[in-house]
Amino acid sequence: MLVREHYLHSAALVGEQLRYIAEYQGRWLALLAWSAAAYHLKDREAWLGWTPAQRPHRLLYPAQ
């Protein structure tokens, strides 16, 4: 179902991951998936203001 409905038609996740199914009265309402952050994304790090020393520590957390 995830492959069929996802806009990229892919369910491939890399690294550590979480997958959840939200259901109500036995019916699936949503599929949720999170995967580990990419190790290097120059634009993300510039926007967040991360230094090279901060990046390895902060990638461990899902949101900061």
Protein backbone atom coordinates (compact mmCIF):
# COMPACT_ATOMS: atom_id res chain seq x y z
CA MET A 1 0.00 0.00 0.00
CA LEU A 2 2.81 2.43 0.83
CA VAL A 3 4.54 1.83 -2.50
CA ARG A 4 1.27 2.23 -4.39
CA GLU A 5 0.19 5.47 -2.69
CA HIS A 6 3.53 7.23 -2.09
CA TYR A 7 4.24 10.03 -4.55
CA LEU A 8 7.63 8.46 -5.40
CA HIS A 9 6.12 4.95 -5.51
CA SER A 10 8.77 3.71 -3.12
CA ALA A 11 8.81 2.47 0.45
CA ALA A 12 12.60 2.31 0.66
CA LEU A 13 13.96 3.74 3.90
CA VAL A 14 17.62 3.77 4.86
CA GLY A 15 19.36 3.51 8.20
CA GLU A 16 17.46 3.36 11.45
CA GLN A 17 13.72 3.65 10.96
CA LEU A 18 10.30 3.72 12.56
CA ARG A 19 7.07 2.68 10.84
CA TYR A 20 3.59 3.10 12.26
CA ILE A 21 0.09 2.26 11.13
CA ALA A 22 -2.68 4.46 12.51
CA GLU A 23 -5.99 2.66 12.64
CA TYR A 24 -9.48 3.31 13.91
CA GLN A 25 -12.02 0.54 14.46
CA GLY A 26 -9.82 -1.88 12.55
CA ARG A 27 -9.40 0.36 9.46
CA TRP A 28 -6.07 1.82 8.45
CA LEU A 29 -6.12 5.62 8.45
CA ALA A 30 -2.47 6.47 7.88
CA LEU A 31 0.95 4.98 7.28
CA LEU A 32 3.80 6.90 8.89
CA ALA A 33 7.51 6.32 8.41
CA TRP A 34 10.67 8.02 9.60
CA SER A 35 14.25 7.16 8.75
CA ALA A 36 17.62 8.37 9.93
CA ALA A 37 18.76 11.74 8.64
CA ALA A 38 21.18 11.87 5.75
CA TYR A 39 24.68 12.35 7.12
CA HIS A 40 25.60 15.29 4.88
CA LEU A 41 23.16 17.84 3.47
CA LYS A 42 25.01 21.10 2.90
CA ASP A 43 21.86 23.23 2.45
CA ARG A 44 20.18 21.81 5.58
CA GLU A 45 23.26 22.41 7.70
CA ALA A 46 23.67 25.97 6.38
CA TRP A 47 19.98 26.77 7.01
CA LEU A 48 20.16 25.36 10.54
CA GLY A 49 23.49 27.04 11.22
CA TRP A 50 25.18 23.77 12.23
CA THR A 51 28.94 23.76 12.42
CA PRO A 52 30.89 20.67 11.33
CA ALA A 53 31.46 19.90 15.03
CA GLN A 54 27.71 20.10 15.84
CA ARG A 55 26.47 17.92 12.94
CA PRO A 56 27.46 14.44 14.27
CA HIS A 57 25.87 15.14 17.67
CA ARG A 58 22.65 16.67 16.33
CA LEU A 59 21.97 14.00 13.71
CA LEU A 60 21.23 11.61 16.59
CA TYR A 61 18.00 13.43 17.45
CA PRO A 62 14.78 13.37 15.39
CA ALA A 63 14.03 17.09 15.93
CA GLN A 64 15.92 19.99 17.41
